[in-house]
């Protein structure tokens, strides 16, 4: 069972890193894509298209290559695994792990001799683990523990299920961000192909406007 916990957690941790890398790339491509769109629209006398401005964050402004679903809920920001009462149903092992984390990183527990950078790091871990317990995010509790080199405990079947769901969350949203005009355009180095992606985007917006 413990091996299963560790393998699921390590997979989630790997996917979390891939998710953060993809999101960082997406944000970069997104800004560049809409700057290029403004220039493309001007050069081709394209007017009247309703497009999202470059300063809108990706949480609310993903332009999918397939359709225009509710991206907020699809990306899962503030919707997945949110449970204010999670601490009341969490296993004793997870609660014990959380208490170990808090004992180390709580602002009142910081030794006087540690640096300001270290204090900041510990406060970030404290905030992350506290928010994770509030939201039922088992992965982030385990991730906080691993940052402090605390052994992972035995978890309930439900908590293991939540970690596996977190893996699916990362996988699905990596695909979601990569399946955007902005990301495909940004990853393309061939100028003709970049222009083709831009034309597809414009055509999709024209079709949307005609509906």
N, C-alpha and C. Protein backbone atom coordinates (compact mmCIF):
# COMPACT_ATOMS: atom_id res chain seq x y z
N UNK A 1 0.82 -1.20 0.00
CA UNK A 1 0.00 0.00 0.00
C UNK A 1 0.86 1.25 0.00
N UNK A 2 1.93 1.24 0.83
CA UNK A 2 2.77 2.43 0.93
C UNK A 2 3.49 2.69 -0.39
N UNK A 3 3.89 1.58 -1.08
CA UNK A 3 4.54 1.74 -2.37
C UNK A 3 3.58 2.40 -3.36
N UNK A 4 2.30 2.01 -3.29
CA UNK A 4 1.28 2.59 -4.15
C UNK A 4 1.13 4.07 -3.88
N UNK A 5 1.15 4.46 -2.59
CA UNK A 5 1.07 5.87 -2.22
C UNK A 5 2.26 6.64 -2.80
N UNK A 6 3.45 6.08 -2.61
CA UNK A 6 4.66 6.77 -3.04
C UNK A 6 4.69 6.92 -4.56
N UNK A 7 4.33 5.85 -5.29
CA UNK A 7 4.36 5.93 -6.75
C UNK A 7 3.33 6.92 -7.27
N UNK A 8 2.13 6.92 -6.65
CA UNK A 8 1.09 7.87 -7.06
C UNK A 8 1.54 9.30 -6.78
N UNK A 9 2.15 9.51 -5.63
CA UNK A 9 2.61 10.85 -5.27
C UNK A 9 3.73 11.31 -6.19
N UNK A 10 4.70 10.42 -6.47
CA UNK A 10 5.81 10.79 -7.34
C UNK A 10 5.32 11.12 -8.75
N UNK A 11 4.31 10.37 -9.21
CA UNK A 11 3.73 10.67 -10.52
C UNK A 11 3.07 12.04 -10.50
N UNK A 12 2.30 12.32 -9.43
CA UNK A 12 1.64 13.62 -9.30
C UNK A 12 2.66 14.74 -9.23
N UNK A 13 3.77 14.50 -8.53
CA UNK A 13 4.80 15.53 -8.39
C UNK A 13 5.45 15.81 -9.75
N UNK A 14 5.72 14.76 -10.51
CA UNK A 14 6.29 14.92 -11.84
C UNK A 14 5.34 15.71 -12.74
N UNK A 15 4.06 15.32 -12.71
CA UNK A 15 3.07 16.00 -13.55
C UNK A 15 2.86 17.44 -13.11
N UNK A 16 2.98 17.69 -11.82
CA UNK A 16 2.87 19.06 -11.32
C UNK A 16 3.95 19.94 -11.92
N UNK A 17 5.18 19.41 -11.99
CA UNK A 17 6.28 20.17 -12.59
C UNK A 17 6.03 20.41 -14.08
N UNK A 18 5.53 19.37 -14.78
CA UNK A 18 5.22 19.52 -16.20
C UNK A 18 4.09 20.54 -16.40
N UNK A 19 3.12 20.52 -15.48
CA UNK A 19 2.01 21.47 -15.55
C UNK A 19 2.51 22.90 -15.40
N UNK A 20 3.39 23.12 -14.42
CA UNK A 20 3.93 24.47 -14.19
C UNK A 20 4.77 24.94 -15.38
N UNK A 21 5.56 24.04 -15.94
CA UNK A 21 6.37 24.38 -17.12
C UNK A 21 5.47 24.74 -18.30
N UNK A 22 4.43 23.92 -18.50
CA UNK A 22 3.50 24.17 -19.61
C UNK A 22 2.76 25.49 -19.42
N UNK A 23 2.33 25.75 -18.19
CA UNK A 23 1.60 26.98 -17.91
C UNK A 23 2.49 28.21 -18.15
N UNK A 24 3.75 28.11 -17.75
CA UNK A 24 4.67 29.23 -17.96
C UNK A 24 4.87 29.48 -19.46
N UNK A 25 5.01 28.40 -20.23
CA UNK A 25 5.15 28.52 -21.68
C UNK A 25 3.87 29.09 -22.29
N UNK A 26 2.73 28.59 -21.80
CA UNK A 26 1.45 29.06 -22.32
C UNK A 26 1.29 30.56 -22.12
N UNK A 27 1.62 31.05 -20.93
CA UNK A 27 1.50 32.48 -20.65
C UNK A 27 2.37 33.30 -21.61
N UNK A 28 3.58 32.81 -21.86
CA UNK A 28 4.49 33.49 -22.78
C UNK A 28 3.92 33.49 -24.20
N UNK A 29 3.49 32.32 -24.67
CA UNK A 29 2.94 32.22 -26.02
C UNK A 29 1.66 33.04 -26.16
N UNK A 30 0.85 33.05 -25.11
CA UNK A 30 -0.42 33.76 -25.14
C UNK A 30 -0.20 35.25 -25.40
N UNK A 31 0.72 35.85 -24.65
CA UNK A 31 0.98 37.28 -24.81
C UNK A 31 1.53 37.58 -26.20
N UNK A 32 2.47 36.75 -26.67
CA UNK A 32 3.09 36.97 -27.98
C UNK A 32 2.08 36.75 -29.10
N UNK A 33 1.20 35.76 -28.90
CA UNK A 33 0.21 35.45 -29.93
C UNK A 33 -0.72 36.62 -30.18
N UNK A 34 -1.21 37.26 -29.11
CA UNK A 34 -2.16 38.35 -29.30
C UNK A 34 -1.49 39.63 -29.79
N UNK A 35 -0.22 39.79 -29.48
CA UNK A 35 0.52 40.91 -30.09
C UNK A 35 0.64 40.68 -31.59
N UNK A 36 0.94 39.43 -31.96
CA UNK A 36 1.04 39.09 -33.39
C UNK A 36 -0.31 39.21 -34.07
N UNK A 37 -1.38 38.88 -33.35
CA UNK A 37 -2.72 38.98 -33.93
C UNK A 37 -3.06 40.43 -34.26
N UNK A 38 -2.73 41.33 -33.37
CA UNK A 38 -3.01 42.76 -33.60
C UNK A 38 -2.33 43.23 -34.89
N UNK A 39 -1.08 42.81 -35.08
CA UNK A 39 -0.33 43.18 -36.27
C UNK A 39 -0.95 42.52 -37.51
N UNK A 40 -1.30 41.23 -37.38
CA UNK A 40 -1.89 40.48 -38.49
C UNK A 40 -3.22 41.11 -38.92
N UNK A 41 -4.04 41.48 -37.93
CA UNK A 41 -5.34 42.10 -38.22
C UNK A 41 -5.17 43.44 -38.92
N UNK A 42 -4.18 44.21 -38.50
CA UNK A 42 -3.93 45.51 -39.11
C UNK A 42 -3.45 45.36 -40.55
N UNK A 43 -2.54 44.41 -40.78
CA UNK A 43 -1.99 44.20 -42.13
C UNK A 43 -3.03 43.66 -43.10
N UNK A 44 -4.02 42.93 -42.57
CA UNK A 44 -5.02 42.29 -43.43
C UNK A 44 -6.39 42.96 -43.34
N UNK A 45 -6.42 44.17 -42.75
CA UNK A 45 -7.66 44.95 -42.66
C UNK A 45 -8.80 44.14 -42.04
N UNK A 46 -8.48 43.44 -40.96
CA UNK A 46 -9.49 42.64 -40.26
C UNK A 46 -10.07 43.49 -39.14
N UNK A 47 -11.39 43.68 -39.18
CA UNK A 47 -12.04 44.49 -38.16
C UNK A 47 -13.28 43.77 -37.61
N UNK A 48 -13.67 44.17 -36.43
CA UNK A 48 -14.93 43.69 -35.87
C UNK A 48 -14.90 42.33 -35.22
N UNK A 49 -13.72 41.72 -35.09
CA UNK A 49 -13.63 40.42 -34.43
C UNK A 49 -13.57 40.62 -32.92
N UNK A 50 -14.35 39.85 -32.21
CA UNK A 50 -14.33 39.92 -30.75
C UNK A 50 -13.27 38.96 -30.22
N UNK A 51 -12.13 39.52 -29.79
CA UNK A 51 -11.06 38.70 -29.24
C UNK A 51 -10.68 39.24 -27.87
N UNK A 52 -10.09 38.39 -27.08
CA UNK A 52 -9.72 38.77 -25.72
C UNK A 52 -8.40 39.53 -25.73
N UNK A 53 -8.30 40.60 -24.96
CA UNK A 53 -7.07 41.39 -24.93
C UNK A 53 -5.93 40.64 -24.25
N UNK A 54 -4.67 40.98 -24.58
CA UNK A 54 -3.51 40.27 -24.04
C UNK A 54 -3.37 40.32 -22.54
N UNK A 55 -3.99 41.27 -21.86
CA UNK A 55 -3.79 41.36 -20.41
C UNK A 55 -4.78 40.50 -19.62
N UNK A 56 -5.64 39.74 -20.32
CA UNK A 56 -6.55 38.84 -19.63
C UNK A 56 -5.81 37.55 -19.31
N UNK A 57 -5.89 37.10 -18.07
CA UNK A 57 -5.13 35.92 -17.65
C UNK A 57 -5.66 34.66 -18.29
N UNK A 58 -4.82 33.61 -18.35
CA UNK A 58 -5.20 32.37 -19.01
C UNK A 58 -6.34 31.65 -18.31
N UNK A 59 -6.55 31.92 -17.01
CA UNK A 59 -7.64 31.24 -16.31
C UNK A 59 -8.99 31.54 -16.94
N UNK A 60 -9.13 32.74 -17.52
CA UNK A 60 -10.42 33.13 -18.08
C UNK A 60 -10.35 33.41 -19.57
N UNK A 61 -9.20 33.21 -20.18
CA UNK A 61 -9.07 33.65 -21.56
C UNK A 61 -8.40 32.65 -22.48
N UNK A 62 -8.50 31.36 -22.20
CA UNK A 62 -7.94 30.36 -23.09
C UNK A 62 -8.79 30.29 -24.35
N UNK A 63 -8.15 30.37 -25.49
CA UNK A 63 -8.86 30.20 -26.76
C UNK A 63 -8.56 28.80 -27.25
N UNK A 64 -9.51 27.90 -27.13
CA UNK A 64 -9.28 26.51 -27.53
C UNK A 64 -9.36 26.38 -29.03
N UNK A 65 -8.59 25.44 -29.55
CA UNK A 65 -8.61 25.18 -30.98
C UNK A 65 -9.85 24.41 -31.40
N UNK A 66 -10.59 23.84 -30.43
CA UNK A 66 -11.75 23.03 -30.78
C UNK A 66 -13.07 23.75 -30.53
N UNK A 67 -13.21 24.38 -29.36
CA UNK A 67 -14.48 25.04 -29.05
C UNK A 67 -14.27 26.07 -27.96
N UNK A 68 -15.36 26.65 -27.47
CA UNK A 68 -15.27 27.70 -26.46
C UNK A 68 -16.01 27.31 -25.18
N UNK A 69 -15.61 26.21 -24.55
CA UNK A 69 -16.26 25.76 -23.33
C UNK A 69 -15.92 26.67 -22.17
N UNK A 70 -16.55 26.41 -21.02
CA UNK A 70 -16.26 27.17 -19.82
C UNK A 70 -14.87 26.79 -19.31
N UNK A 71 -13.87 27.63 -19.64
CA UNK A 71 -12.49 27.27 -19.35
C UNK A 71 -12.19 27.33 -17.86
N UNK A 72 -12.84 28.22 -17.12
CA UNK A 72 -12.62 28.29 -15.67
C UNK A 72 -12.82 26.92 -15.03
N UNK A 73 -13.97 26.31 -15.32
CA UNK A 73 -14.25 25.02 -14.70
C UNK A 73 -13.40 23.93 -15.32
N UNK A 74 -13.07 24.07 -16.61
CA UNK A 74 -12.28 23.03 -17.27
C UNK A 74 -10.85 23.01 -16.76
N UNK A 75 -10.30 24.17 -16.52
CA UNK A 75 -8.96 24.23 -15.94
C UNK A 75 -8.98 23.90 -14.45
N UNK A 76 -10.13 23.97 -13.83
CA UNK A 76 -10.25 23.55 -12.45
C UNK A 76 -9.79 24.56 -11.42
N UNK A 77 -9.63 25.82 -11.79
CA UNK A 77 -9.17 26.82 -10.84
C UNK A 77 -10.27 27.09 -9.82
N UNK A 78 -10.03 26.69 -8.58
CA UNK A 78 -10.98 26.94 -7.52
C UNK A 78 -12.22 26.07 -7.57
N UNK A 79 -12.18 24.97 -8.36
CA UNK A 79 -13.38 24.14 -8.45
C UNK A 79 -13.11 22.69 -8.11
N UNK A 80 -11.92 22.17 -8.41
CA UNK A 80 -11.65 20.76 -8.23
C UNK A 80 -11.23 20.47 -6.79
N UNK A 81 -11.83 19.44 -6.20
CA UNK A 81 -11.46 18.98 -4.86
C UNK A 81 -11.60 20.05 -3.78
N UNK A 82 -12.47 21.04 -4.00
CA UNK A 82 -12.65 22.07 -2.97
C UNK A 82 -13.65 21.57 -1.94
N UNK A 83 -13.20 21.44 -0.69
CA UNK A 83 -14.07 20.94 0.36
C UNK A 83 -13.67 21.59 1.67
N UNK A 84 -14.45 22.55 2.14
CA UNK A 84 -14.11 23.31 3.34
C UNK A 84 -14.06 22.43 4.58
N UNK A 85 -14.75 21.29 4.54
CA UNK A 85 -14.80 20.42 5.71
C UNK A 85 -13.82 19.26 5.62
N UNK A 86 -12.84 19.37 4.74
CA UNK A 86 -11.96 18.21 4.52
C UNK A 86 -11.22 17.80 5.79
N UNK A 87 -10.80 18.78 6.59
CA UNK A 87 -10.07 18.43 7.81
C UNK A 87 -10.90 17.56 8.74
N UNK A 88 -12.22 17.66 8.62
CA UNK A 88 -13.09 16.86 9.48
C UNK A 88 -13.19 15.41 9.02
N UNK A 89 -12.90 15.14 7.74
CA UNK A 89 -13.02 13.78 7.24
C UNK A 89 -11.66 13.19 6.86
N UNK A 90 -10.59 13.96 6.95
CA UNK A 90 -9.25 13.46 6.63
C UNK A 90 -8.86 12.36 7.61
N UNK A 91 -8.05 11.41 7.12
CA UNK A 91 -7.61 10.32 7.98
C UNK A 91 -6.72 10.85 9.11
N UNK A 92 -6.62 10.07 10.16
CA UNK A 92 -5.78 10.47 11.29
C UNK A 92 -4.32 10.58 10.87
N UNK A 93 -3.91 9.73 9.93
CA UNK A 93 -2.52 9.77 9.45
C UNK A 93 -2.22 11.09 8.74
N UNK A 94 -3.18 11.54 7.94
CA UNK A 94 -2.97 12.81 7.24
C UNK A 94 -2.99 13.98 8.21
N UNK A 95 -3.90 13.93 9.18
CA UNK A 95 -3.95 14.98 10.19
C UNK A 95 -2.65 15.03 10.98
N UNK A 96 -2.12 13.85 11.30
CA UNK A 96 -0.87 13.77 12.05
C UNK A 96 0.28 14.36 11.22
N UNK A 97 0.27 14.04 9.91
CA UNK A 97 1.29 14.59 9.02
C UNK A 97 1.19 16.11 8.98
N UNK A 98 -0.03 16.62 8.87
CA UNK A 98 -0.24 18.07 8.83
C UNK A 98 0.28 18.73 10.11
N UNK A 99 0.02 18.10 11.25
CA UNK A 99 0.49 18.66 12.52
C UNK A 99 2.02 18.69 12.57
N UNK A 100 2.67 17.67 12.00
CA UNK A 100 4.14 17.65 11.94
C UNK A 100 4.65 18.83 11.10
N UNK A 101 3.99 19.05 9.97
CA UNK A 101 4.38 20.15 9.09
C UNK A 101 4.26 21.48 9.82
N UNK A 102 3.10 21.69 10.45
CA UNK A 102 2.84 22.95 11.14
C UNK A 102 3.81 23.16 12.29
N UNK A 103 4.17 22.09 12.98
CA UNK A 103 5.13 22.20 14.09
C UNK A 103 6.47 22.76 13.62
N UNK A 104 6.81 22.45 12.38
CA UNK A 104 8.10 22.91 11.83
C UNK A 104 8.01 24.30 11.23
N UNK A 105 6.93 24.57 10.48
CA UNK A 105 6.91 25.78 9.65
C UNK A 105 6.03 26.91 10.18
N UNK A 106 5.27 26.68 11.23
CA UNK A 106 4.41 27.76 11.76
C UNK A 106 5.28 28.96 12.12
N UNK A 107 4.84 30.17 11.77
CA UNK A 107 5.64 31.38 12.05
C UNK A 107 6.09 31.51 13.50
N UNK A 108 5.29 31.02 14.44
CA UNK A 108 5.67 31.10 15.85
C UNK A 108 6.76 30.11 16.23
N UNK A 109 7.05 29.15 15.33
CA UNK A 109 8.02 28.10 15.63
C UNK A 109 9.40 28.36 15.02
N UNK A 110 9.52 29.45 14.25
CA UNK A 110 10.79 29.70 13.56
C UNK A 110 11.91 30.05 14.55
N UNK A 111 13.05 29.36 14.46
CA UNK A 111 14.20 29.74 15.30
C UNK A 111 14.68 31.14 14.96
N UNK A 112 15.20 31.84 15.90
CA UNK A 112 15.62 33.23 15.69
C UNK A 112 16.81 33.33 14.73
N UNK A 113 17.62 32.27 14.67
CA UNK A 113 18.86 32.38 13.90
C UNK A 113 18.68 32.16 12.40
N UNK A 114 17.49 31.69 11.94
CA UNK A 114 17.35 31.39 10.51
C UNK A 114 17.21 32.68 9.70
N UNK A 115 17.60 32.60 8.45
CA UNK A 115 17.60 33.78 7.57
C UNK A 115 16.18 34.17 7.19
N UNK A 116 16.04 35.38 6.68
CA UNK A 116 14.73 35.87 6.23
C UNK A 116 14.22 35.05 5.05
N UNK A 117 15.16 34.64 4.17
CA UNK A 117 14.76 33.82 3.02
C UNK A 117 14.20 32.48 3.48
N UNK A 118 14.83 31.90 4.49
CA UNK A 118 14.37 30.62 5.02
C UNK A 118 13.01 30.78 5.70
N UNK A 119 12.83 31.88 6.42
CA UNK A 119 11.54 32.16 7.06
C UNK A 119 10.44 32.28 6.00
N UNK A 120 10.76 32.98 4.93
CA UNK A 120 9.79 33.16 3.85
C UNK A 120 9.42 31.81 3.24
N UNK A 121 10.43 30.95 3.04
CA UNK A 121 10.19 29.62 2.49
C UNK A 121 9.28 28.80 3.41
N UNK A 122 9.54 28.87 4.71
CA UNK A 122 8.74 28.11 5.67
C UNK A 122 7.31 28.62 5.75
N UNK A 123 7.14 29.94 5.63
CA UNK A 123 5.79 30.52 5.63
C UNK A 123 5.03 30.08 4.39
N UNK A 124 5.72 29.99 3.26
CA UNK A 124 5.07 29.53 2.03
C UNK A 124 4.61 28.09 2.17
N UNK A 125 5.43 27.25 2.80
CA UNK A 125 5.05 25.86 3.02
C UNK A 125 3.88 25.78 3.98
N UNK A 126 3.92 26.61 5.02
CA UNK A 126 2.82 26.65 5.99
C UNK A 126 1.51 27.05 5.30
N UNK A 127 1.56 28.10 4.50
CA UNK A 127 0.35 28.56 3.81
C UNK A 127 -0.16 27.51 2.83
N UNK A 128 0.78 26.87 2.12
CA UNK A 128 0.40 25.85 1.15
C UNK A 128 -0.28 24.66 1.82
N UNK A 129 0.32 24.18 2.90
CA UNK A 129 -0.24 23.00 3.58
C UNK A 129 -1.57 23.33 4.25
N UNK A 130 -1.70 24.53 4.81
CA UNK A 130 -2.96 24.92 5.46
C UNK A 130 -4.08 25.04 4.43
N UNK A 131 -3.77 25.68 3.31
CA UNK A 131 -4.76 25.81 2.24
C UNK A 131 -5.12 24.44 1.68
N UNK A 132 -4.12 23.56 1.58
CA UNK A 132 -4.36 22.21 1.04
C UNK A 132 -5.30 21.42 1.94
N UNK A 133 -5.12 21.51 3.25
CA UNK A 133 -6.01 20.82 4.17
C UNK A 133 -7.43 21.38 4.09
N UNK A 134 -7.52 22.68 3.89
CA UNK A 134 -8.84 23.31 3.79
C UNK A 134 -9.56 22.88 2.53
N UNK A 135 -8.78 22.66 1.43
CA UNK A 135 -9.38 22.36 0.14
C UNK A 135 -9.38 20.87 -0.22
N UNK A 136 -8.93 20.04 0.70
CA UNK A 136 -8.92 18.61 0.41
C UNK A 136 -7.88 18.22 -0.62
N UNK A 137 -6.80 18.98 -0.69
CA UNK A 137 -5.74 18.74 -1.67
C UNK A 137 -4.64 17.89 -1.02
N UNK A 138 -4.85 16.56 -1.05
CA UNK A 138 -3.92 15.64 -0.40
C UNK A 138 -2.52 15.76 -0.99
N UNK A 139 -2.45 15.91 -2.31
CA UNK A 139 -1.15 16.00 -2.97
C UNK A 139 -0.30 17.13 -2.40
N UNK A 140 -0.89 18.31 -2.21
CA UNK A 140 -0.11 19.45 -1.74
C UNK A 140 0.33 19.29 -0.29
N UNK A 141 -0.45 18.56 0.51
CA UNK A 141 -0.02 18.26 1.88
C UNK A 141 1.21 17.35 1.83
N UNK A 142 1.16 16.32 1.00
CA UNK A 142 2.30 15.41 0.85
C UNK A 142 3.51 16.14 0.26
N UNK A 143 3.24 17.05 -0.67
CA UNK A 143 4.32 17.80 -1.29
C UNK A 143 5.02 18.69 -0.27
N UNK A 144 4.23 19.31 0.62
CA UNK A 144 4.81 20.12 1.69
C UNK A 144 5.66 19.26 2.62
N UNK A 145 5.16 18.06 2.93
CA UNK A 145 5.90 17.15 3.80
C UNK A 145 7.22 16.73 3.16
N UNK A 146 7.19 16.48 1.85
CA UNK A 146 8.41 16.04 1.17
C UNK A 146 9.45 17.15 1.13
N UNK A 147 9.00 18.40 1.06
CA UNK A 147 9.93 19.53 1.09
C UNK A 147 10.65 19.61 2.43
N UNK A 148 10.02 19.06 3.47
CA UNK A 148 10.60 19.08 4.81
C UNK A 148 11.24 17.73 5.17
N UNK A 149 11.31 16.82 4.17
CA UNK A 149 11.91 15.50 4.35
C UNK A 149 11.19 14.68 5.43
N UNK A 150 9.87 14.83 5.49
CA UNK A 150 9.06 14.04 6.40
C UNK A 150 8.55 12.81 5.64
N UNK A 151 8.65 11.63 6.25
CA UNK A 151 8.19 10.41 5.60
C UNK A 151 6.69 10.47 5.33
N UNK A 152 6.29 9.92 4.19
CA UNK A 152 4.88 9.89 3.84
C UNK A 152 4.17 8.81 4.65
N UNK A 153 2.98 9.09 5.14
CA UNK A 153 2.26 8.12 5.96
C UNK A 153 1.39 7.20 5.10
N UNK A 154 0.76 6.22 5.76
CA UNK A 154 -0.26 5.42 5.12
C UNK A 154 -1.52 6.26 5.03
N UNK A 155 -2.15 6.27 3.86
CA UNK A 155 -3.34 7.09 3.66
C UNK A 155 -4.57 6.21 3.43
N UNK A 156 -5.72 6.83 3.54
CA UNK A 156 -6.96 6.11 3.27
C UNK A 156 -7.13 5.90 1.77
N UNK A 157 -7.99 4.97 1.41
CA UNK A 157 -8.26 4.72 -0.02
C UNK A 157 -8.80 5.98 -0.69
N UNK A 158 -9.61 6.74 0.03
CA UNK A 158 -10.19 7.97 -0.54
C UNK A 158 -9.09 9.00 -0.82
N UNK A 159 -8.12 9.10 0.08
CA UNK A 159 -7.02 10.06 -0.10
C UNK A 159 -6.12 9.66 -1.25
N UNK A 160 -5.89 8.34 -1.42
CA UNK A 160 -5.12 7.87 -2.56
C UNK A 160 -5.87 8.17 -3.85
N UNK A 161 -7.18 8.01 -3.80
CA UNK A 161 -8.01 8.32 -4.96
C UNK A 161 -7.87 9.79 -5.34
N UNK A 162 -7.83 10.67 -4.33
CA UNK A 162 -7.69 12.11 -4.59
C UNK A 162 -6.35 12.41 -5.27
N UNK A 163 -5.28 11.73 -4.85
CA UNK A 163 -3.97 11.92 -5.48
C UNK A 163 -4.03 11.49 -6.94
N UNK A 164 -4.69 10.37 -7.21
CA UNK A 164 -4.81 9.89 -8.58
C UNK A 164 -5.63 10.87 -9.42
N UNK A 165 -6.66 11.44 -8.80
CA UNK A 165 -7.46 12.46 -9.51
C UNK A 165 -6.61 13.69 -9.81
N UNK A 166 -5.69 14.00 -8.91
CA UNK A 166 -4.79 15.14 -9.13
C UNK A 166 -3.91 14.88 -10.35
N UNK A 167 -3.47 13.63 -10.50
CA UNK A 167 -2.69 13.26 -11.68
C UNK A 167 -3.49 13.51 -12.95
N UNK A 168 -4.75 13.09 -12.93
CA UNK A 168 -5.62 13.31 -14.09
C UNK A 168 -5.84 14.79 -14.35
N UNK A 169 -5.98 15.57 -13.26
CA UNK A 169 -6.13 17.02 -13.37
C UNK A 169 -4.95 17.63 -14.12
N UNK A 170 -3.72 17.26 -13.70
CA UNK A 170 -2.53 17.80 -14.35
C UNK A 170 -2.46 17.36 -15.81
N UNK A 171 -2.71 16.08 -16.06
CA UNK A 171 -2.64 15.56 -17.43
C UNK A 171 -3.66 16.25 -18.34
N UNK A 172 -4.89 16.35 -17.86
CA UNK A 172 -5.95 16.96 -18.68
C UNK A 172 -5.65 18.42 -19.01
N UNK A 173 -5.13 19.15 -18.03
CA UNK A 173 -4.93 20.58 -18.25
C UNK A 173 -3.65 20.91 -18.99
N UNK A 174 -2.67 20.00 -18.93
CA UNK A 174 -1.51 20.14 -19.81
C UNK A 174 -1.98 20.02 -21.25
N UNK A 175 -2.83 19.02 -21.52
CA UNK A 175 -3.38 18.84 -22.87
C UNK A 175 -4.23 20.04 -23.27
N UNK A 176 -5.03 20.54 -22.32
CA UNK A 176 -5.91 21.67 -22.61
C UNK A 176 -5.13 22.90 -23.03
N UNK A 177 -4.06 23.21 -22.30
CA UNK A 177 -3.27 24.39 -22.64
C UNK A 177 -2.53 24.21 -23.96
N UNK A 178 -2.08 22.98 -24.21
CA UNK A 178 -1.36 22.72 -25.46
C UNK A 178 -2.30 22.74 -26.66
N UNK A 179 -3.59 22.52 -26.40
CA UNK A 179 -4.58 22.51 -27.48
C UNK A 179 -5.21 23.89 -27.65
N UNK A 180 -4.37 24.90 -27.75
CA UNK A 180 -4.83 26.26 -27.99
C UNK A 180 -4.10 26.82 -29.20
N UNK A 181 -4.72 27.75 -29.88
CA UNK A 181 -4.06 28.41 -30.99
C UNK A 181 -2.76 29.07 -30.53
N UNK A 182 -2.81 29.72 -29.37
CA UNK A 182 -1.65 30.45 -28.87
C UNK A 182 -0.47 29.52 -28.64
N UNK A 183 -0.72 28.36 -28.05
CA UNK A 183 0.38 27.43 -27.74
C UNK A 183 0.94 26.81 -29.01
N UNK A 184 0.04 26.36 -29.89
CA UNK A 184 0.49 25.75 -31.15
C UNK A 184 1.30 26.77 -31.96
N UNK A 185 0.79 27.99 -32.02
CA UNK A 185 1.49 29.08 -32.73
C UNK A 185 2.85 29.34 -32.10
N UNK A 186 2.90 29.41 -30.78
CA UNK A 186 4.15 29.73 -30.09
C UNK A 186 5.21 28.67 -30.23
N UNK A 187 4.79 27.41 -30.34
CA UNK A 187 5.75 26.31 -30.44
C UNK A 187 6.25 26.12 -31.86
N UNK A 188 5.59 26.74 -32.83
CA UNK A 188 5.96 26.58 -34.23
C UNK A 188 7.07 27.56 -34.60
N UNK A 189 8.12 27.05 -35.26
CA UNK A 189 9.24 27.89 -35.68
C UNK A 189 9.13 28.33 -37.13
N UNK A 190 8.41 27.57 -37.94
CA UNK A 190 8.24 27.90 -39.35
C UNK A 190 7.26 29.05 -39.50
N UNK A 191 7.69 30.13 -40.14
CA UNK A 191 6.86 31.34 -40.24
C UNK A 191 5.58 31.11 -41.04
N UNK A 192 5.66 30.31 -42.10
CA UNK A 192 4.46 30.02 -42.90
C UNK A 192 3.43 29.24 -42.08
N UNK A 193 3.92 28.31 -41.27
CA UNK A 193 3.00 27.52 -40.44
C UNK A 193 2.40 28.38 -39.32
N UNK A 194 3.21 29.30 -38.80
CA UNK A 194 2.67 30.22 -37.78
C UNK A 194 1.53 31.05 -38.37
N UNK A 195 1.73 31.49 -39.61
CA UNK A 195 0.69 32.28 -40.26
C UNK A 195 -0.56 31.44 -40.51
N UNK A 196 -0.37 30.16 -40.82
CA UNK A 196 -1.51 29.27 -41.04
C UNK A 196 -2.32 29.11 -39.76
N UNK A 197 -1.63 29.00 -38.64
CA UNK A 197 -2.31 28.89 -37.34
C UNK A 197 -3.10 30.16 -37.07
N UNK A 198 -2.49 31.31 -37.38
CA UNK A 198 -3.17 32.58 -37.17
C UNK A 198 -4.42 32.68 -38.04
N UNK A 199 -4.33 32.23 -39.27
CA UNK A 199 -5.49 32.26 -40.18
C UNK A 199 -6.61 31.36 -39.67
N UNK A 200 -6.24 30.20 -39.15
CA UNK A 200 -7.23 29.29 -38.58
C UNK A 200 -7.94 29.94 -37.40
N UNK A 201 -7.16 30.65 -36.58
CA UNK A 201 -7.73 31.35 -35.44
C UNK A 201 -8.73 32.41 -35.91
N UNK A 202 -8.34 33.20 -36.90
CA UNK A 202 -9.22 34.25 -37.43
C UNK A 202 -10.49 33.65 -38.01
N UNK A 203 -10.34 32.55 -38.76
CA UNK A 203 -11.50 31.89 -39.34
C UNK A 203 -12.46 31.39 -38.26
N UNK A 204 -11.88 30.85 -37.18
CA UNK A 204 -12.72 30.33 -36.10
C UNK A 204 -13.51 31.47 -35.43
N UNK A 205 -12.88 32.64 -35.31
CA UNK A 205 -13.56 33.79 -34.70
C UNK A 205 -14.64 34.33 -35.63
N UNK A 206 -14.39 34.29 -36.94
CA UNK A 206 -15.39 34.74 -37.91
C UNK A 206 -16.61 33.83 -37.87
N UNK A 207 -16.35 32.50 -37.78
CA UNK A 207 -17.46 31.54 -37.72
C UNK A 207 -18.26 31.75 -36.45
N UNK A 208 -17.53 32.04 -35.35
CA UNK A 208 -18.22 32.29 -34.07
C UNK A 208 -19.09 33.52 -34.15
N UNK A 209 -18.58 34.55 -34.83
CA UNK A 209 -19.33 35.81 -34.95
C UNK A 209 -20.59 35.62 -35.78
N UNK A 210 -20.55 34.64 -36.71
CA UNK A 210 -21.69 34.44 -37.60
C UNK A 210 -22.79 33.61 -36.94
N UNK A 211 -22.47 32.95 -35.83
CA UNK A 211 -23.46 32.10 -35.17
C UNK A 211 -24.52 32.93 -34.46
